[in-house]
Every structure is written in C-alpha cells, then in structure tokens.
Amino acid sequence: MKRSLKAGAPVPTTIRELADTMVALGIASQDREGCWSVPDGLPLPEEILSLPEEMNAPWFKL
C-alpha cells in the first residue's frame, strides 16, 4: 500500500521508524516471511512527497 506523505513529516529517529517511513512512502516492502526489499532505483522526492512546485524546482537542475 502506497501512502502519500507531505513535506514536514517527522524525521525518523530509530531504525524501526525509518523502516516504517520507507514502507509508507512505497520505497521498501516486507513479505510474509519478513524479507525486506527495495527497488533497484529509488524514486525522486517529487514522485513521493506532495511538495509545492518551488520546492521541486531545485531537483530538476541536478
């Protein structure tokens, strides 16, 4: 299940919180046996976060 988070979401402070955030963003998943997986290429910030256009612009210059 992919959920949309907004800019300003709390920064994870533990590995568990980081894993939960990555799952919520659709960056990671865990199967029934407990094995974790991530895509070969990570998505760009604007593909995950609901950011205002002026915050997305700097990424396109990279």
PDB file of N, CA and C in Angstrom:
ATOM      1  N   MET A   1       0.847  -1.177   0.000  1.00  0.00           N
ATOM      2  CA  MET A   1       0.000   0.000   0.000  1.00  0.00           C
ATOM      3  C   MET A   1       0.889   1.235   0.000  1.00  0.00           C
ATOM      4  N   LYS A   2       0.681   2.102  -0.958  1.00  0.00           N
ATOM      5  CA  LYS A   2       1.471   3.315  -1.053  1.00  0.00           C
ATOM      6  C   LYS A   2       0.681   4.482  -0.497  1.00  0.00           C
ATOM      7  N   ARG A   3       1.249   5.159   0.494  1.00  0.00           N
ATOM      8  CA  ARG A   3       0.593   6.315   1.089  1.00  0.00           C
ATOM      9  C   ARG A   3       1.387   7.558   0.752  1.00  0.00           C
ATOM     10  N   SER A   4       0.716   8.666   0.652  1.00  0.00           N
ATOM     11  CA  SER A   4       1.376   9.923   0.350  1.00  0.00           C
ATOM     12  C   SER A   4       1.630  10.699   1.633  1.00  0.00           C
ATOM     13  N   LEU A   5       2.885  11.049   1.846  1.00  0.00           N
ATOM     14  CA  LEU A   5       3.247  11.876   2.982  1.00  0.00           C
ATOM     15  C   LEU A   5       3.506  13.289   2.482  1.00  0.00           C
ATOM     16  N   LYS A   6       3.404  14.229   3.355  1.00  0.00           N
ATOM     17  CA  LYS A   6       3.642  15.616   2.992  1.00  0.00           C
ATOM     18  C   LYS A   6       4.982  16.073   3.543  1.00  0.00           C
ATOM     19  N   ALA A   7       5.541  17.090   2.894  1.00  0.00           N
ATOM     20  CA  ALA A   7       6.763  17.694   3.418  1.00  0.00           C
ATOM     21  C   ALA A   7       6.479  18.162   4.836  1.00  0.00           C
ATOM     22  N   GLY A   8       7.459  18.048   5.687  1.00  0.00           N
ATOM     23  CA  GLY A   8       7.270  18.427   7.078  1.00  0.00           C
ATOM     24  C   GLY A   8       6.936  17.246   7.968  1.00  0.00           C
ATOM     25  N   ALA A   9       6.899  16.043   7.397  1.00  0.00           N
ATOM     26  CA  ALA A   9       6.655  14.847   8.208  1.00  0.00           C
ATOM     27  C   ALA A   9       7.816  14.687   9.183  1.00  0.00           C
ATOM     28  N   PRO A  10       7.574  14.113  10.351  1.00  0.00           N
ATOM     29  CA  PRO A  10       8.656  13.940  11.335  1.00  0.00           C
ATOM     30  C   PRO A  10       9.814  13.122  10.762  1.00  0.00           C
ATOM     31  N   VAL A  11      11.018  13.467  11.147  1.00  0.00           N
ATOM     32  CA  VAL A  11      12.204  12.728  10.725  1.00  0.00           C
ATOM     33  C   VAL A  11      12.329  11.489  11.602  1.00  0.00           C
ATOM     34  N   PRO A  12      12.491  10.311  10.983  1.00  0.00           N
ATOM     35  CA  PRO A  12      12.644   9.091  11.777  1.00  0.00           C
ATOM     36  C   PRO A  12      13.879   9.179  12.674  1.00  0.00           C
ATOM     37  N   THR A  13      13.756   8.690  13.900  1.00  0.00           N
ATOM     38  CA  THR A  13      14.882   8.737  14.841  1.00  0.00           C
ATOM     39  C   THR A  13      15.381   7.353  15.222  1.00  0.00           C
ATOM     40  N   THR A  14      14.681   6.309  14.776  1.00  0.00           N
ATOM     41  CA  THR A  14      15.120   4.933  15.037  1.00  0.00           C
ATOM     42  C   THR A  14      15.069   4.157  13.727  1.00  0.00           C
ATOM     43  N   ILE A  15      15.730   3.023  13.695  1.00  0.00           N
ATOM     44  CA  ILE A  15      15.691   2.169  12.504  1.00  0.00           C
ATOM     45  C   ILE A  15      14.257   1.720  12.229  1.00  0.00           C
ATOM     46  N   ARG A  16      13.513   1.393  13.270  1.00  0.00           N
ATOM     47  CA  ARG A  16      12.121   0.961  13.103  1.00  0.00           C
ATOM     48  C   ARG A  16      11.283   2.078  12.472  1.00  0.00           C
ATOM     49  N   GLU A  17      11.452   3.308  12.952  1.00  0.00           N
ATOM     50  CA  GLU A  17      10.719   4.442  12.381  1.00  0.00           C
ATOM     51  C   GLU A  17      11.134   4.674  10.926  1.00  0.00           C
ATOM     52  N   LEU A  18      12.431   4.514  10.634  1.00  0.00           N
ATOM     53  CA  LEU A  18      12.904   4.670   9.256  1.00  0.00           C
ATOM     54  C   LEU A  18      12.273   3.615   8.359  1.00  0.00           C
ATOM     55  N   ALA A  19      12.250   2.369   8.824  1.00  0.00           N
ATOM     56  CA  ALA A  19      11.637   1.295   8.044  1.00  0.00           C
ATOM     57  C   ALA A  19      10.153   1.574   7.823  1.00  0.00           C
ATOM     58  N   ASP A  20       9.450   1.997   8.853  1.00  0.00           N
ATOM     59  CA  ASP A  20       8.025   2.321   8.708  1.00  0.00           C
ATOM     60  C   ASP A  20       7.809   3.460   7.717  1.00  0.00           C
ATOM     61  N   THR A  21       8.673   4.464   7.766  1.00  0.00           N
ATOM     62  CA  THR A  21       8.560   5.590   6.837  1.00  0.00           C
ATOM     63  C   THR A  21       8.818   5.137   5.411  1.00  0.00           C
ATOM     64  N   MET A  22       9.827   4.292   5.217  1.00  0.00           N
ATOM     65  CA  MET A  22      10.131   3.793   3.878  1.00  0.00           C
ATOM     66  C   MET A  22       8.983   2.958   3.322  1.00  0.00           C
ATOM     67  N   VAL A  23       8.343   2.166   4.167  1.00  0.00           N
ATOM     68  CA  VAL A  23       7.177   1.387   3.734  1.00  0.00           C
ATOM     69  C   VAL A  23       6.025   2.333   3.390  1.00  0.00           C
ATOM     70  N   ALA A  24       5.789   3.337   4.230  1.00  0.00           N
ATOM     71  CA  ALA A  24       4.698   4.292   3.996  1.00  0.00           C
ATOM     72  C   ALA A  24       4.898   5.054   2.692  1.00  0.00           C
ATOM     73  N   LEU A  25       6.156   5.314   2.329  1.00  0.00           N
ATOM     74  CA  LEU A  25       6.456   6.043   1.092  1.00  0.00           C
ATOM     75  C   LEU A  25       6.501   5.131  -0.124  1.00  0.00           C
ATOM     76  N   GLY A  26       6.421   3.837   0.094  1.00  0.00           N
ATOM     77  CA  GLY A  26       6.477   2.902  -1.023  1.00  0.00           C
ATOM     78  C   GLY A  26       7.890   2.621  -1.491  1.00  0.00           C
ATOM     79  N   ILE A  27       8.902   2.996  -0.692  1.00  0.00           N
ATOM     80  CA  ILE A  27      10.297   2.779  -1.051  1.00  0.00           C
ATOM     81  C   ILE A  27      10.732   1.359  -0.698  1.00  0.00           C
ATOM     82  N   ALA A  28      10.170   0.795   0.339  1.00  0.00           N
ATOM     83  CA  ALA A  28      10.542  -0.556   0.787  1.00  0.00           C
ATOM     84  C   ALA A  28       9.270  -1.358   1.036  1.00  0.00           C
ATOM     85  N   SER A  29       9.443  -2.668   1.045  1.00  0.00           N
ATOM     86  CA  SER A  29       8.322  -3.549   1.377  1.00  0.00           C
ATOM     87  C   SER A  29       8.862  -4.752   2.123  1.00  0.00           C
ATOM     88  N   GLN A  30       7.970  -5.432   2.812  1.00  0.00           N
ATOM     89  CA  GLN A  30       8.345  -6.620   3.580  1.00  0.00           C
ATOM     90  C   GLN A  30       7.342  -7.714   3.251  1.00  0.00           C
ATOM     91  N   ASP A  31       7.855  -8.903   2.919  1.00  0.00           N
ATOM     92  CA  ASP A  31       6.952 -10.004   2.588  1.00  0.00           C
ATOM     93  C   ASP A  31       6.525 -10.750   3.853  1.00  0.00           C
ATOM     94  N   ARG A  32       5.720 -11.782   3.675  1.00  0.00           N
ATOM     95  CA  ARG A  32       5.164 -12.528   4.815  1.00  0.00           C
ATOM     96  C   ARG A  32       6.232 -13.216   5.649  1.00  0.00           C
ATOM     97  N   GLU A  33       7.348 -13.582   5.013  1.00  0.00           N
ATOM     98  CA  GLU A  33       8.428 -14.245   5.741  1.00  0.00           C
ATOM     99  C   GLU A  33       9.335 -13.253   6.459  1.00  0.00           C
ATOM    100  N   GLY A  34       9.107 -11.949   6.255  1.00  0.00           N
ATOM    101  CA  GLY A  34       9.912 -10.937   6.921  1.00  0.00           C
ATOM    102  C   GLY A  34      11.083 -10.421   6.106  1.00  0.00           C
ATOM    103  N   CYS A  35      11.184 -10.847   4.839  1.00  0.00           N
ATOM    104  CA  CYS A  35      12.275 -10.370   3.977  1.00  0.00           C
ATOM    105  C   CYS A  35      11.945  -8.984   3.427  1.00  0.00           C
ATOM    106  N   TRP A  36      12.920  -8.089   3.525  1.00  0.00           N
ATOM    107  CA  TRP A  36      12.743  -6.722   3.053  1.00  0.00           C
ATOM    108  C   TRP A  36      13.231  -6.602   1.621  1.00  0.00           C
ATOM    109  N   SER A  37      12.621  -5.701   0.864  1.00  0.00           N
ATOM    110  CA  SER A  37      13.081  -5.421  -0.494  1.00  0.00           C
ATOM    111  C   SER A  37      12.893  -3.933  -0.797  1.00  0.00           C
ATOM    112  N   VAL A  38      13.749  -3.450  -1.667  1.00  0.00           N
ATOM    113  CA  VAL A  38      13.677  -2.072  -2.150  1.00  0.00           C
ATOM    114  C   VAL A  38      13.860  -2.113  -3.661  1.00  0.00           C
ATOM    115  N   PRO A  39      13.361  -1.104  -4.381  1.00  0.00           N
ATOM    116  CA  PRO A  39      13.540  -1.100  -5.829  1.00  0.00           C
ATOM    117  C   PRO A  39      15.005  -0.871  -6.200  1.00  0.00           C
ATOM    118  N   ASP A  40      15.379  -1.256  -7.422  1.00  0.00           N
ATOM    119  CA  ASP A  40      16.757  -1.047  -7.884  1.00  0.00           C
ATOM    120  C   ASP A  40      17.119   0.434  -7.901  1.00  0.00           C
ATOM    121  N   GLY A  41      16.187   1.259  -8.317  1.00  0.00           N
ATOM    122  CA  GLY A  41      16.407   2.702  -8.340  1.00  0.00           C
ATOM    123  C   GLY A  41      15.410   3.389  -7.427  1.00  0.00           C
ATOM    124  N   LEU A  42      15.898   4.268  -6.565  1.00  0.00           N
ATOM    125  CA  LEU A  42      14.988   4.971  -5.663  1.00  0.00           C
ATOM    126  C   LEU A  42      14.233   6.065  -6.407  1.00  0.00           C
ATOM    127  N   PRO A  43      12.979   6.287  -6.031  1.00  0.00           N
ATOM    128  CA  PRO A  43      12.196   7.336  -6.684  1.00  0.00           C
ATOM    129  C   PRO A  43      12.709   8.725  -6.297  1.00  0.00           C
ATOM    130  N   LEU A  44      12.429   9.698  -7.141  1.00  0.00           N
ATOM    131  CA  LEU A  44      12.785  11.083  -6.851  1.00  0.00           C
ATOM    132  C   LEU A  44      11.847  11.648  -5.795  1.00  0.00           C
ATOM    133  N   PRO A  45      12.290  12.652  -5.034  1.00  0.00           N
ATOM    134  CA  PRO A  45      11.444  13.226  -3.983  1.00  0.00           C
ATOM    135  C   PRO A  45      10.068  13.658  -4.477  1.00  0.00           C
ATOM    136  N   GLU A  46      10.010  14.291  -5.658  1.00  0.00           N
ATOM    137  CA  GLU A  46       8.720  14.775  -6.153  1.00  0.00           C
ATOM    138  C   GLU A  46       7.788  13.643  -6.568  1.00  0.00           C
ATOM    139  N   GLU A  47       8.313  12.442  -6.704  1.00  0.00           N
ATOM    140  CA  GLU A  47       7.483  11.281  -7.016  1.00  0.00           C
ATOM    141  C   GLU A  47       6.817  10.708  -5.765  1.00  0.00           C
ATOM    142  N   ILE A  48       7.303  11.093  -4.585  1.00  0.00           N
ATOM    143  CA  ILE A  48       6.797  10.553  -3.336  1.00  0.00           C
ATOM    144  C   ILE A  48       6.089  11.598  -2.498  1.00  0.00           C
ATOM    145  N   LEU A  49       6.737  12.750  -2.347  1.00  0.00           N
ATOM    146  CA  LEU A  49       6.218  13.783  -1.447  1.00  0.00           C
ATOM    147  C   LEU A  49       5.333  14.774  -2.180  1.00  0.00           C
ATOM    148  N   SER A  50       4.345  15.256  -1.483  1.00  0.00           N
ATOM    149  CA  SER A  50       3.496  16.322  -2.007  1.00  0.00           C
ATOM    150  C   SER A  50       4.178  17.647  -1.670  1.00  0.00           C
ATOM    151  N   LEU A  51       5.013  18.129  -2.595  1.00  0.00           N
ATOM    152  CA  LEU A  51       5.753  19.358  -2.370  1.00  0.00           C
ATOM    153  C   LEU A  51       5.247  20.473  -3.283  1.00  0.00           C
ATOM    154  N   PRO A  52       5.315  21.714  -2.810  1.00  0.00           N
ATOM    155  CA  PRO A  52       4.975  22.829  -3.687  1.00  0.00           C
ATOM    156  C   PRO A  52       5.961  22.883  -4.861  1.00  0.00           C
ATOM    157  N   GLU A  53       5.534  23.401  -5.978  1.00  0.00           N
ATOM    158  CA  GLU A  53       6.357  23.453  -7.182  1.00  0.00           C
ATOM    159  C   GLU A  53       7.715  24.126  -6.933  1.00  0.00           C
ATOM    160  N   GLU A  54       7.746  25.210  -6.155  1.00  0.00           N
ATOM    161  CA  GLU A  54       9.015  25.905  -5.917  1.00  0.00           C
ATOM    162  C   GLU A  54      10.020  25.046  -5.139  1.00  0.00           C
ATOM    163  N   MET A  55       9.542  24.061  -4.413  1.00  0.00           N
ATOM    164  CA  MET A  55      10.452  23.157  -3.705  1.00  0.00           C
ATOM    165  C   MET A  55      10.938  22.036  -4.619  1.00  0.00           C
ATOM    166  N   ASN A  56      10.200  21.712  -5.657  1.00  0.00           N
ATOM    167  CA  ASN A  56      10.608  20.678  -6.601  1.00  0.00           C
ATOM    168  C   ASN A  56      11.653  21.196  -7.581  1.00  0.00           C
ATOM    169  N   ALA A  57      11.607  22.461  -7.916  1.00  0.00           N
ATOM    170  CA  ALA A  57      12.461  23.027  -8.960  1.00  0.00           C
ATOM    171  C   ALA A  57      13.949  22.725  -8.766  1.00  0.00           C
ATOM    172  N   PRO A  58      14.534  22.852  -7.560  1.00  0.00           N
ATOM    173  CA  PRO A  58      15.977  22.588  -7.433  1.00  0.00           C
ATOM    174  C   PRO A  58      16.383  21.163  -7.844  1.00  0.00           C
ATOM    175  N   TRP A  59      15.506  20.198  -7.685  1.00  0.00           N
ATOM    176  CA  TRP A  59      15.849  18.818  -8.036  1.00  0.00           C
ATOM    177  C   TRP A  59      16.021  18.632  -9.529  1.00  0.00           C
ATOM    178  N   PHE A  60      15.288  19.413 -10.314  1.00  0.00           N
ATOM    179  CA  PHE A  60      15.366  19.246 -11.753  1.00  0.00           C
ATOM    180  C   PHE A  60      16.671  19.806 -12.327  1.00  0.00           C
ATOM    181  N   LYS A  61      17.407  20.589 -11.553  1.00  0.00           N
ATOM    182  CA  LYS A  61      18.662  21.166 -12.001  1.00  0.00           C
ATOM    183  C   LYS A  61      19.832  20.218 -11.803  1.00  0.00           C
ATOM    184  N   LEU A  62      19.645  19.137 -11.047  1.00  0.00           N
ATOM    185  CA  LEU A  62      20.743  18.204 -10.781  1.00  0.00           C
ATOM    186  C   LEU A  62      21.090  17.387 -11.999  1.00  0.00           C
TER     187      LEU A  62
END
